[in-house]
Amino acid sequence: MSDTATDIDPTKSRHKDAGYARNARLNSINGVAKPNILFRGLKGLILLICCLMVLVPFVAVISTSLADQSQINAAGGYVLWPESPSFKAYEAIFRGGVVTRATLVSVGITVVGSGLSLTVVTMLAYGLSRPGSYAHRPILLLVLFSMLFSAGMIPNYLMIKQLGLIDSWWALILPTLTSGFQVVLMRSFFLEIPKELIEAARIDGAGEARILLTLMIPLSKAALAVIGLFNAVAYWNAYFNAVLYINTTDKWPLQLVLRTYVVDNTSIGVDLPGDYIPPQQSLQMAILVVSLLPIVMVYPFLQKHFAKGVIIGAVKG
């Protein structure tokens, strides 16, 4: 009788059923988390193909800039691995010519434009994120309206002409100084900061400028990094505004020089000591590498903030 009671003990039965359920759940989770070898191999192959599609053209550009004419001819135009690398092409384009001047122009425009853009966007976004102002809602509507409509090329050109900015570097900075997307992104980040911190700063006697400089900006490094990267890439890669507004070749940015020499296939004149003159394609690829290198070097330092800033701006608009 006791054995029968033990066999049908409800407590042991419940523990036994719970163990079966737990093992079944673990097996199900393990089955989802660990796909079969064929599926993992297929994902790895697709990832490898995507990486090669990105890296092979980049490596070909760098290798071609280091190759001589015989290697370029033998490879059919682009070299994947130069046999005897030479930096003569880089030496040629940086001997105080148009490429050196254009690089300095692009660096100046990028630094000044990005700094001014961050300043304007931060101040505007902070003002729009503070409650209690009757003017911030109409201004916010204008900012959102600017994201949907643009004046167009001809009105922008007439405005730049009326302001006297034709053939001026300010014509490359002021038209793209801010954007509605950046203001909305920065405003969303400010709204995520707890109000208690701002109220505590006000109780301690801090004004709006001090709150912005010592509290809001240090807490918004992720959003500032995202906006700074957007602006730096935009200013560095912009060439169409230079085509419209810049008439003097001495004021050309690097991207316009790149378009002239690479896209239009204009011959590059060089002055090097000795008899060796780098091939034109090596010179063109060297200019292309110079135009790519600064952004490639800056991006890894800002990448850790990139995802966080974009996600926060997208969740709360």
C-alpha atoms as a PDB file:
ATOM      1  CA  MET A   1       0.000   0.000   0.000  1.00  0.00           C
ATOM      2  CA  SER A   2       2.871   2.346   0.860  1.00  0.00           C
ATOM      3  CA  ASP A   3       4.610   1.523  -2.420  1.00  0.00           C
ATOM      4  CA  THR A   4       1.477   2.360  -4.341  1.00  0.00           C
ATOM      5  CA  ALA A   5       1.140   5.661  -2.512  1.00  0.00           C
ATOM      6  CA  THR A   6       4.742   6.495  -3.271  1.00  0.00           C
ATOM      7  CA  ASP A   7       4.303   5.751  -6.979  1.00  0.00           C
ATOM      8  CA  ILE A   8       1.347   8.064  -7.285  1.00  0.00           C
ATOM      9  CA  ASP A   9       2.763  10.866  -5.057  1.00  0.00           C
ATOM     10  CA  PRO A  10       1.498  14.116  -6.688  1.00  0.00           C
ATOM     11  CA  THR A  11       4.572  16.122  -5.539  1.00  0.00           C
ATOM     12  CA  LYS A  12       7.029  13.821  -7.300  1.00  0.00           C
ATOM     13  CA  SER A  13       4.800  13.725 -10.364  1.00  0.00           C
ATOM     14  CA  ARG A  14       4.763  17.520 -10.587  1.00  0.00           C
ATOM     15  CA  HIS A  15       8.577  17.713 -10.262  1.00  0.00           C
ATOM     16  CA  LYS A  16       8.941  15.046 -12.951  1.00  0.00           C
ATOM     17  CA  ASP A  17       6.612  16.934 -15.358  1.00  0.00           C
ATOM     18  CA  ALA A  18       8.443  20.195 -14.690  1.00  0.00           C
ATOM     19  CA  GLY A  19      11.760  18.495 -15.520  1.00  0.00           C
ATOM     20  CA  TYR A  20      10.386  17.201 -18.816  1.00  0.00           C
ATOM     21  CA  ALA A  21       9.039  20.649 -19.697  1.00  0.00           C
ATOM     22  CA  ARG A  22      12.351  22.319 -18.841  1.00  0.00           C
ATOM     23  CA  ASN A  23      14.343  19.878 -20.957  1.00  0.00           C
ATOM     24  CA  ALA A  24      11.949  20.321 -23.882  1.00  0.00           C
ATOM     25  CA  ARG A  25      12.239  24.107 -23.611  1.00  0.00           C
ATOM     26  CA  LEU A  26      16.041  23.970 -23.511  1.00  0.00           C
ATOM     27  CA  ASN A  27      16.121  21.673 -26.513  1.00  0.00           C
ATOM     28  CA  SER A  28      13.841  24.052 -28.409  1.00  0.00           C
ATOM     29  CA  ILE A  29      16.000  27.065 -27.530  1.00  0.00           C
ATOM     30  CA  ASN A  30      19.197  25.249 -28.458  1.00  0.00           C
ATOM     31  CA  GLY A  31      17.667  24.221 -31.756  1.00  0.00           C
ATOM     32  CA  VAL A  32      16.847  27.847 -32.631  1.00  0.00           C
ATOM     33  CA  ALA A  33      20.126  29.328 -31.375  1.00  0.00           C
ATOM     34  CA  LYS A  34      22.343  26.787 -33.098  1.00  0.00           C
ATOM     35  CA  PRO A  35      21.449  26.355 -36.779  1.00  0.00           C
ATOM     36  CA  ASN A  36      22.894  23.494 -38.722  1.00  0.00           C
ATOM     37  CA  ILE A  37      26.355  23.571 -40.270  1.00  0.00           C
ATOM     38  CA  LEU A  38      25.047  24.088 -43.812  1.00  0.00           C
ATOM     39  CA  PHE A  39      23.096  27.214 -42.855  1.00  0.00           C
ATOM     40  CA  ARG A  40      26.050  28.694 -40.958  1.00  0.00           C
ATOM     41  CA  GLY A  41      28.355  27.954 -43.866  1.00  0.00           C
ATOM     42  CA  LEU A  42      25.963  29.683 -46.275  1.00  0.00           C
ATOM     43  CA  LYS A  43      25.824  32.780 -44.067  1.00  0.00           C
ATOM     44  CA  GLY A  44      29.605  32.853 -43.851  1.00  0.00           C
ATOM     45  CA  LEU A  45      29.904  32.554 -47.636  1.00  0.00           C
ATOM     46  CA  ILE A  46      27.456  35.416 -48.216  1.00  0.00           C
ATOM     47  CA  LEU A  47      29.307  37.574 -45.686  1.00  0.00           C
ATOM     48  CA  LEU A  48      32.632  36.778 -47.372  1.00  0.00           C
ATOM     49  CA  ILE A  49      31.255  37.726 -50.798  1.00  0.00           C
ATOM     50  CA  CYS A  50      29.922  41.026 -49.448  1.00  0.00           C
ATOM     51  CA  CYS A  51      33.274  41.817 -47.824  1.00  0.00           C
ATOM     52  CA  LEU A  52      35.141  41.045 -51.052  1.00  0.00           C
ATOM     53  CA  MET A  53      32.756  43.245 -53.039  1.00  0.00           C
ATOM     54  CA  VAL A  54      33.675  46.147 -50.752  1.00  0.00           C
ATOM     55  CA  LEU A  55      37.385  45.475 -50.260  1.00  0.00           C
ATOM     56  CA  VAL A  56      38.526  44.401 -53.736  1.00  0.00           C
ATOM     57  CA  PRO A  57      37.738  47.741 -55.461  1.00  0.00           C
ATOM     58  CA  PHE A  58      39.358  49.640 -52.583  1.00  0.00           C
ATOM     59  CA  VAL A  59      42.486  47.467 -52.751  1.00  0.00           C
ATOM     60  CA  ALA A  60      42.566  47.842 -56.552  1.00  0.00           C
ATOM     61  CA  VAL A  61      42.492  51.638 -56.259  1.00  0.00           C
ATOM     62  CA  ILE A  62      45.349  51.682 -53.732  1.00  0.00           C
ATOM     63  CA  SER A  63      47.412  49.142 -55.675  1.00  0.00           C
ATOM     64  CA  THR A  64      46.944  50.983 -58.963  1.00  0.00           C
ATOM     65  CA  SER A  65      48.118  54.211 -57.345  1.00  0.00           C
ATOM     66  CA  LEU A  66      51.372  52.401 -56.408  1.00  0.00           C
ATOM     67  CA  ALA A  67      51.952  50.640 -59.756  1.00  0.00           C
ATOM     68  CA  ASP A  68      53.911  51.717 -62.828  1.00  0.00           C
ATOM     69  CA  GLN A  69      52.723  51.864 -66.432  1.00  0.00           C
ATOM     70  CA  SER A  70      53.893  48.367 -67.412  1.00  0.00           C
ATOM     71  CA  GLN A  71      51.993  46.722 -64.531  1.00  0.00           C
ATOM     72  CA  ILE A  72      48.856  48.726 -65.330  1.00  0.00           C
ATOM     73  CA  ASN A  73      49.033  47.695 -68.982  1.00  0.00           C
ATOM     74  CA  ALA A  74      49.636  44.045 -68.073  1.00  0.00           C
ATOM     75  CA  ALA A  75      46.688  44.031 -65.638  1.00  0.00           C
ATOM     76  CA  GLY A  76      44.324  45.687 -68.100  1.00  0.00           C
ATOM     77  CA  GLY A  77      43.914  48.959 -66.204  1.00  0.00           C
ATOM     78  CA  TYR A  78      43.660  48.030 -62.514  1.00  0.00           C
ATOM     79  CA  VAL A  79      46.316  46.262 -60.437  1.00  0.00           C
ATOM     80  CA  LEU A  80      45.376  44.096 -57.460  1.00  0.00           C
ATOM     81  CA  TRP A  81      48.924  43.626 -56.178  1.00  0.00           C
ATOM     82  CA  PRO A  82      51.815  45.825 -57.383  1.00  0.00           C
ATOM     83  CA  GLU A  83      55.118  44.028 -57.873  1.00  0.00           C
ATOM     84  CA  SER A  84      57.280  47.054 -57.080  1.00  0.00           C
ATOM     85  CA  PRO A  85      55.197  49.649 -55.200  1.00  0.00           C
ATOM     86  CA  SER A  86      56.194  53.266 -55.727  1.00  0.00           C
ATOM     87  CA  PHE A  87      54.920  56.423 -54.022  1.00  0.00           C
ATOM     88  CA  LYS A  88      55.923  58.653 -56.931  1.00  0.00           C
ATOM     89  CA  ALA A  89      52.273  59.379 -57.720  1.00  0.00           C
ATOM     90  CA  TYR A  90      51.653  60.716 -54.204  1.00  0.00           C
ATOM     91  CA  GLU A  91      54.892  62.672 -54.327  1.00  0.00           C
ATOM     92  CA  ALA A  92      53.782  64.207 -57.617  1.00  0.00           C
ATOM     93  CA  ILE A  93      50.318  65.334 -56.487  1.00  0.00           C
ATOM     94  CA  PHE A  94      51.648  66.826 -53.239  1.00  0.00           C
ATOM     95  CA  ARG A  95      54.451  68.927 -54.719  1.00  0.00           C
ATOM     96  CA  GLY A  96      52.600  72.169 -53.992  1.00  0.00           C
ATOM     97  CA  GLY A  97      50.222  71.861 -56.935  1.00  0.00           C
ATOM     98  CA  VAL A  98      46.480  72.033 -57.349  1.00  0.00           C
ATOM     99  CA  VAL A  99      45.825  68.858 -55.331  1.00  0.00           C
ATOM    100  CA  THR A 100      47.648  70.162 -52.259  1.00  0.00           C
ATOM    101  CA  ARG A 101      45.763  73.445 -52.411  1.00  0.00           C
ATOM    102  CA  ALA A 102      42.426  71.692 -52.956  1.00  0.00           C
ATOM    103  CA  THR A 103      43.082  69.362 -50.010  1.00  0.00           C
ATOM    104  CA  LEU A 104      43.709  72.322 -47.718  1.00  0.00           C
ATOM    105  CA  VAL A 105      40.528  73.983 -48.997  1.00  0.00           C
ATOM    106  CA  SER A 106      38.472  70.842 -48.323  1.00  0.00           C
ATOM    107  CA  VAL A 107      39.950  70.421 -44.847  1.00  0.00           C
ATOM    108  CA  GLY A 108      39.169  74.031 -43.971  1.00  0.00           C
ATOM    109  CA  ILE A 109      35.626  73.850 -45.309  1.00  0.00           C
ATOM    110  CA  THR A 110      34.991  70.567 -43.478  1.00  0.00           C
ATOM    111  CA  VAL A 111      36.354  71.773 -40.132  1.00  0.00           C
ATOM    112  CA  VAL A 112      34.699  75.200 -40.199  1.00  0.00           C
ATOM    113  CA  GLY A 113      31.418  73.913 -41.656  1.00  0.00           C
ATOM    114  CA  SER A 114      31.110  70.993 -39.246  1.00  0.00           C
ATOM    115  CA  GLY A 115      31.904  73.189 -36.242  1.00  0.00           C
ATOM    116  CA  LEU A 116      29.402  75.880 -37.199  1.00  0.00           C
ATOM    117  CA  SER A 117      26.766  73.300 -38.084  1.00  0.00           C
ATOM    118  CA  LEU A 118      27.114  71.536 -34.727  1.00  0.00           C
ATOM    119  CA  THR A 119      26.827  74.887 -32.953  1.00  0.00           C
ATOM    120  CA  VAL A 120      23.681  75.981 -34.813  1.00  0.00           C
ATOM    121  CA  VAL A 121      21.978  72.586 -34.593  1.00  0.00           C
ATOM    122  CA  THR A 122      22.726  72.218 -30.879  1.00  0.00           C
ATOM    123  CA  MET A 123      21.447  75.690 -29.974  1.00  0.00           C
ATOM    124  CA  LEU A 124      18.298  75.342 -32.086  1.00  0.00           C
ATOM    125  CA  ALA A 125      17.540  71.833 -30.819  1.00  0.00           C
ATOM    126  CA  TYR A 126      18.040  72.876 -27.194  1.00  0.00           C
ATOM    127  CA  GLY A 127      15.652  75.806 -27.613  1.00  0.00           C
ATOM    128  CA  LEU A 128      13.021  73.573 -29.218  1.00  0.00           C
ATOM    129  CA  SER A 129      13.348  70.960 -26.470  1.00  0.00           C
ATOM    130  CA  ARG A 130      12.593  73.374 -23.603  1.00  0.00           C
ATOM    131  CA  PRO A 131       8.906  73.571 -22.569  1.00  0.00           C
ATOM    132  CA  GLY A 132       7.114  76.800 -21.746  1.00  0.00           C
ATOM    133  CA  SER A 133       7.980  78.793 -24.880  1.00  0.00           C
ATOM    134  CA  TYR A 134       5.149  79.890 -27.164  1.00  0.00           C
ATOM    135  CA  ALA A 135       7.477  80.308 -30.158  1.00  0.00           C
ATOM    136  CA  HIS A 136       9.063  76.879 -30.224  1.00  0.00           C
ATOM    137  CA  ARG A 137       6.073  75.074 -31.788  1.00  0.00           C
ATOM    138  CA  PRO A 138       5.876  77.241 -34.940  1.00  0.00           C
ATOM    139  CA  ILE A 139       9.660  77.027 -35.334  1.00  0.00           C
ATOM    140  CA  LEU A 140       9.501  73.249 -34.920  1.00  0.00           C
ATOM    141  CA  LEU A 141       6.815  73.099 -37.631  1.00  0.00           C
ATOM    142  CA  LEU A 142       9.081  75.122 -39.943  1.00  0.00           C
ATOM    143  CA  VAL A 143      11.955  72.736 -39.231  1.00  0.00           C
ATOM    144  CA  LEU A 144       9.770  69.720 -40.038  1.00  0.00           C
ATOM    145  CA  PHE A 145       8.451  71.505 -43.138  1.00  0.00           C
ATOM    146  CA  SER A 146      12.022  71.960 -44.403  1.00  0.00           C
ATOM    147  CA  MET A 147      12.464  68.181 -44.348  1.00  0.00           C
ATOM    148  CA  LEU A 148       9.640  67.758 -46.878  1.00  0.00           C
ATOM    149  CA  PHE A 149      10.267  70.571 -49.366  1.00  0.00           C
ATOM    150  CA  SER A 150      13.284  72.300 -50.901  1.00  0.00           C
ATOM    151  CA  ALA A 151      13.510  75.604 -52.758  1.00  0.00           C
ATOM    152  CA  GLY A 152      15.419  74.134 -55.676  1.00  0.00           C
ATOM    153  CA  MET A 153      18.655  74.925 -57.459  1.00  0.00           C
ATOM    154  CA  ILE A 154      17.677  78.205 -59.178  1.00  0.00           C
ATOM    155  CA  PRO A 155      16.213  79.940 -56.064  1.00  0.00           C
ATOM    156  CA  ASN A 156      19.240  78.839 -54.048  1.00  0.00           C
ATOM    157  CA  TYR A 157      21.602  80.234 -56.685  1.00  0.00           C
ATOM    158  CA  LEU A 158      19.712  83.555 -56.806  1.00  0.00           C
ATOM    159  CA  MET A 159      19.834  83.810 -53.013  1.00  0.00           C
ATOM    160  CA  ILE A 160      23.586  83.119 -52.929  1.00  0.00           C
ATOM    161  CA  LYS A 161      24.084  85.716 -55.659  1.00  0.00           C
ATOM    162  CA  GLN A 162      22.011  88.349 -53.819  1.00  0.00           C
ATOM    163  CA  LEU A 163      24.049  87.728 -50.666  1.00  0.00           C
ATOM    164  CA  GLY A 164      27.271  88.326 -52.607  1.00  0.00           C
ATOM    165  CA  LEU A 165      28.671  84.873 -51.898  1.00  0.00           C
ATOM    166  CA  ILE A 166      29.432  83.826 -55.483  1.00  0.00           C
ATOM    167  CA  ASP A 167      33.056  82.662 -55.773  1.00  0.00           C
ATOM    168  CA  SER A 168      33.319  82.605 -51.978  1.00  0.00           C
ATOM    169  CA  TRP A 169      34.047  79.664 -49.709  1.00  0.00           C
ATOM    170  CA  TRP A 170      31.068  80.680 -47.565  1.00  0.00           C
ATOM    171  CA  ALA A 171      28.870  79.578 -50.466  1.00  0.00           C
ATOM    172  CA  LEU A 172      30.088  76.027 -49.758  1.00  0.00           C
ATOM    173  CA  ILE A 173      29.324  76.251 -46.014  1.00  0.00           C
ATOM    174  CA  LEU A 174      26.187  78.326 -45.380  1.00  0.00           C
ATOM    175  CA  PRO A 175      23.654  76.573 -47.708  1.00  0.00           C
ATOM    176  CA  THR A 176      24.130  73.262 -45.877  1.00  0.00           C
ATOM    177  CA  LEU A 177      24.736  74.645 -42.409  1.00  0.00           C
ATOM    178  CA  THR A 178      21.820  72.775 -40.854  1.00  0.00           C
ATOM    179  CA  SER A 179      19.023  70.379 -41.697  1.00  0.00           C
ATOM    180  CA  GLY A 180      15.687  69.458 -40.200  1.00  0.00           C
ATOM    181  CA  PHE A 181      16.722  65.844 -39.628  1.00  0.00           C
ATOM    182  CA  GLN A 182      19.717  66.859 -37.530  1.00  0.00           C
ATOM    183  CA  VAL A 183      17.636  69.270 -35.438  1.00  0.00           C
ATOM    184  CA  VAL A 184      14.991  66.609 -34.787  1.00  0.00           C
ATOM    185  CA  LEU A 185      17.672  64.051 -33.902  1.00  0.00           C
ATOM    186  CA  MET A 186      19.388  66.399 -31.445  1.00  0.00           C
ATOM    187  CA  ARG A 187      16.078  67.546 -29.942  1.00  0.00           C
ATOM    188  CA  SER A 188      15.059  63.925 -29.350  1.00  0.00           C
ATOM    189  CA  PHE A 189      18.351  63.309 -27.566  1.00  0.00           C
ATOM    190  CA  PHE A 190      17.843  66.351 -25.322  1.00  0.00           C
ATOM    191  CA  LEU A 191      14.345  65.152 -24.454  1.00  0.00           C
ATOM    192  CA  GLU A 192      15.812  61.836 -23.246  1.00  0.00           C
ATOM    193  CA  ILE A 193      17.853  63.596 -20.557  1.00  0.00           C
ATOM    194  CA  PRO A 194      16.012  63.466 -17.172  1.00  0.00           C
ATOM    195  CA  LYS A 195      14.300  66.731 -16.266  1.00  0.00           C
ATOM    196  CA  GLU A 196      15.424  66.337 -12.675  1.00  0.00           C
ATOM    197  CA  LEU A 197      19.024  67.059 -13.674  1.00  0.00           C
ATOM    198  CA  ILE A 198      18.010  70.294 -15.384  1.00  0.00           C
ATOM    199  CA  GLU A 199      15.854  71.362 -12.428  1.00  0.00           C
ATOM    200  CA  ALA A 200      18.714  70.638 -10.028  1.00  0.00           C
ATOM    201  CA  ALA A 201      21.039  72.786 -12.124  1.00  0.00           C
ATOM    202  CA  ARG A 202      18.513  75.632 -12.101  1.00  0.00           C
ATOM    203  CA  ILE A 203      18.155  75.386  -8.322  1.00  0.00           C
ATOM    204  CA  ASP A 204      21.937  75.717  -8.072  1.00  0.00           C
ATOM    205  CA  GLY A 205      21.700  78.977 -10.027  1.00  0.00           C
ATOM    206  CA  ALA A 206      22.728  77.831 -13.512  1.00  0.00           C
ATOM    207  CA  GLY A 207      21.334  79.701 -16.480  1.00  0.00           C
ATOM    208  CA  GLU A 208      20.311  78.256 -19.839  1.00  0.00           C
ATOM    209  CA  ALA A 209      23.746  78.770 -21.391  1.00  0.00           C
ATOM    210  CA  ARG A 210      25.505  77.078 -18.481  1.00  0.00           C
ATOM    211  CA  ILE A 211      23.039  74.175 -18.512  1.00  0.00           C
ATOM    212  CA  LEU A 212      23.646  73.680 -22.224  1.00  0.00           C
ATOM    213  CA  LEU A 213      27.443  73.858 -22.008  1.00  0.00           C
ATOM    214  CA  THR A 214      28.096  71.957 -18.780  1.00  0.00           C
ATOM    215  CA  LEU A 215      25.184  69.517 -18.624  1.00  0.00           C
ATOM    216  CA  MET A 216      23.436  68.872 -21.933  1.00  0.00           C
ATOM    217  CA  ILE A 217      26.413  68.767 -24.287  1.00  0.00           C
ATOM    218  CA  PRO A 218      28.552  66.380 -22.146  1.00  0.00           C
ATOM    219  CA  LEU A 219      25.559  64.028 -21.889  1.00  0.00           C
ATOM    220  CA  SER A 220      24.915  64.159 -25.649  1.00  0.00           C
ATOM    221  CA  LYS A 221      28.255  63.000 -27.025  1.00  0.00           C
ATOM    222  CA  ALA A 222      26.647  60.158 -28.991  1.00  0.00           C
ATOM    223  CA  ALA A 223      24.261  62.463 -30.862  1.00  0.00           C
ATOM    224  CA  LEU A 224      26.992  65.056 -31.426  1.00  0.00           C
ATOM    225  CA  ALA A 225      29.251  62.348 -32.859  1.00  0.00           C
ATOM    226  CA  VAL A 226      26.528  61.220 -35.288  1.00  0.00           C
ATOM    227  CA  ILE A 227      25.714  64.753 -36.444  1.00  0.00           C
ATOM    228  CA  GLY A 228      29.394  65.656 -36.672  1.00  0.00           C
ATOM    229  CA  LEU A 229      30.057  62.605 -38.832  1.00  0.00           C
ATOM    230  CA  PHE A 230      27.097  63.391 -41.096  1.00  0.00           C
ATOM    231  CA  ASN A 231      28.271  66.969 -41.554  1.00  0.00           C
ATOM    232  CA  ALA A 232      31.924  66.074 -42.066  1.00  0.00           C
ATOM    233  CA  VAL A 233      31.080  63.515 -44.757  1.00  0.00           C
ATOM    234  CA  ALA A 234      28.674  65.948 -46.450  1.00  0.00           C
ATOM    235  CA  TYR A 235      31.149  68.837 -46.509  1.00  0.00           C
ATOM    236  CA  TRP A 236      34.061  66.643 -47.551  1.00  0.00           C
ATOM    237  CA  ASN A 237      32.205  64.939 -50.406  1.00  0.00           C
ATOM    238  CA  ALA A 238      30.281  67.993 -51.684  1.00  0.00           C
ATOM    239  CA  TYR A 239      31.274  69.163 -55.137  1.00  0.00           C
ATOM    240  CA  PHE A 240      28.044  70.333 -56.804  1.00  0.00           C
ATOM    241  CA  ASN A 241      27.896  73.575 -54.817  1.00  0.00           C
ATOM    242  CA  ALA A 242      31.458  74.261 -55.927  1.00  0.00           C
ATOM    243  CA  VAL A 243      30.405  73.707 -59.544  1.00  0.00           C
ATOM    244  CA  LEU A 244      27.603  76.253 -59.116  1.00  0.00           C
ATOM    245  CA  TYR A 245      29.210  78.933 -56.989  1.00  0.00           C
ATOM    246  CA  ILE A 246      33.026  78.765 -57.403  1.00  0.00           C
ATOM    247  CA  ASN A 247      34.533  80.332 -60.521  1.00  0.00           C
ATOM    248  CA  THR A 248      38.210  80.524 -59.493  1.00  0.00           C
ATOM    249  CA  THR A 249      40.176  77.290 -59.814  1.00  0.00           C
ATOM    250  CA  ASP A 250      42.373  78.261 -56.846  1.00  0.00           C
ATOM    251  CA  LYS A 251      39.290  77.923 -54.602  1.00  0.00           C
ATOM    252  CA  TRP A 252      38.258  74.478 -55.830  1.00  0.00           C
ATOM    253  CA  PRO A 253      37.774  71.805 -53.142  1.00  0.00           C
ATOM    254  CA  LEU A 254      39.332  68.381 -53.533  1.00  0.00           C
ATOM    255  CA  GLN A 255      36.157  66.695 -54.783  1.00  0.00           C
ATOM    256  CA  LEU A 256      35.883  69.087 -57.710  1.00  0.00           C
ATOM    257  CA  VAL A 257      39.525  68.433 -58.590  1.00  0.00           C
ATOM    258  CA  LEU A 258      38.817  64.708 -58.340  1.00  0.00           C
ATOM    259  CA  ARG A 259      35.862  65.074 -60.702  1.00  0.00           C
ATOM    260  CA  THR A 260      37.970  67.047 -63.175  1.00  0.00           C
ATOM    261  CA  TYR A 261      40.865  64.602 -63.255  1.00  0.00           C
ATOM    262  CA  VAL A 262      39.078  61.261 -62.805  1.00  0.00           C
ATOM    263  CA  VAL A 263      35.562  61.614 -64.207  1.00  0.00           C
ATOM    264  CA  ASP A 264      36.438  64.049 -67.006  1.00  0.00           C
ATOM    265  CA  ASN A 265      39.772  62.224 -67.543  1.00  0.00           C
ATOM    266  CA  THR A 266      41.747  65.484 -67.725  1.00  0.00           C
ATOM    267  CA  SER A 267      45.511  65.028 -67.967  1.00  0.00           C
ATOM    268  CA  ILE A 268      47.437  65.827 -64.782  1.00  0.00           C
ATOM    269  CA  GLY A 269      50.635  67.787 -65.250  1.00  0.00           C
ATOM    270  CA  VAL A 270      53.423  66.954 -62.779  1.00  0.00           C
ATOM    271  CA  ASP A 271      56.907  68.230 -62.129  1.00  0.00           C
ATOM    272  CA  LEU A 272      59.212  65.633 -60.610  1.00  0.00           C
ATOM    273  CA  PRO A 273      63.002  65.555 -60.496  1.00  0.00           C
ATOM    274  CA  GLY A 274      64.454  62.909 -62.772  1.00  0.00           C
ATOM    275  CA  ASP A 275      63.100  61.234 -65.851  1.00  0.00           C
ATOM    276  CA  TYR A 276      60.339  59.124 -64.257  1.00  0.00           C
ATOM    277  CA  ILE A 277      56.775  60.429 -64.599  1.00  0.00           C
ATOM    278  CA  PRO A 278      53.982  58.393 -62.952  1.00  0.00           C
ATOM    279  CA  PRO A 279      51.246  57.153 -65.271  1.00  0.00           C
ATOM    280  CA  GLN A 280      48.066  59.205 -65.423  1.00  0.00           C
ATOM    281  CA  GLN A 281      45.931  56.394 -64.000  1.00  0.00           C
ATOM    282  CA  SER A 282      48.220  56.094 -60.967  1.00  0.00           C
ATOM    283  CA  LEU A 283      47.904  59.837 -60.402  1.00  0.00           C
ATOM    284  CA  GLN A 284      44.122  59.640 -60.677  1.00  0.00           C
ATOM    285  CA  MET A 285      43.915  56.746 -58.225  1.00  0.00           C
ATOM    286  CA  ALA A 286      46.259  58.568 -55.827  1.00  0.00           C
ATOM    287  CA  ILE A 287      43.887  61.560 -55.801  1.00  0.00           C
ATOM    288  CA  LEU A 288      40.992  59.178 -55.169  1.00  0.00           C
ATOM    289  CA  VAL A 289      42.823  57.600 -52.205  1.00  0.00           C
ATOM    290  CA  VAL A 290      43.561  61.049 -50.755  1.00  0.00           C
ATOM    291  CA  SER A 291      39.876  61.963 -51.025  1.00  0.00           C
ATOM    292  CA  LEU A 292      38.802  58.746 -49.243  1.00  0.00           C
ATOM    293  CA  LEU A 293      41.433  58.487 -46.533  1.00  0.00           C
ATOM    294  CA  PRO A 294      40.333  61.219 -44.043  1.00  0.00           C
ATOM    295  CA  ILE A 295      36.772  59.918 -43.636  1.00  0.00           C
ATOM    296  CA  VAL A 296      37.994  56.316 -43.434  1.00  0.00           C
ATOM    297  CA  MET A 297      40.386  57.323 -40.636  1.00  0.00           C
ATOM    298  CA  VAL A 298      37.818  59.340 -38.671  1.00  0.00           C
ATOM    299  CA  TYR A 299      34.891  56.901 -38.862  1.00  0.00           C
ATOM    300  CA  PRO A 300      36.307  54.158 -36.524  1.00  0.00           C
ATOM    301  CA  PHE A 301      36.610  56.678 -33.679  1.00  0.00           C
ATOM    302  CA  LEU A 302      32.950  57.723 -34.027  1.00  0.00           C
ATOM    303  CA  GLN A 303      31.438  54.349 -34.899  1.00  0.00           C
ATOM    304  CA  LYS A 304      30.803  53.390 -31.250  1.00  0.00           C
ATOM    305  CA  HIS A 305      28.476  56.394 -30.868  1.00  0.00           C
ATOM    306  CA  PHE A 306      26.854  56.031 -34.272  1.00  0.00           C
ATOM    307  CA  ALA A 307      24.271  53.297 -33.591  1.00  0.00           C
ATOM    308  CA  LYS A 308      23.216  54.732 -30.218  1.00  0.00           C
ATOM    309  CA  GLY A 309      22.673  58.227 -31.574  1.00  0.00           C
ATOM    310  CA  VAL A 310      20.673  57.121 -34.591  1.00  0.00           C
ATOM    311  CA  ILE A 311      18.480  54.698 -32.607  1.00  0.00           C
ATOM    312  CA  ILE A 312      17.569  57.274 -29.948  1.00  0.00           C
ATOM    313  CA  GLY A 313      16.728  59.817 -32.606  1.00  0.00           C
ATOM    314  CA  ALA A 314      14.536  57.315 -34.416  1.00  0.00           C
ATOM    315  CA  VAL A 315      12.634  56.074 -31.359  1.00  0.00           C
ATOM    316  CA  LYS A 316      11.502  59.486 -30.140  1.00  0.00           C
ATOM    317  CA  GLY A 317      10.943  62.155 -32.803  1.00  0.00           C
END
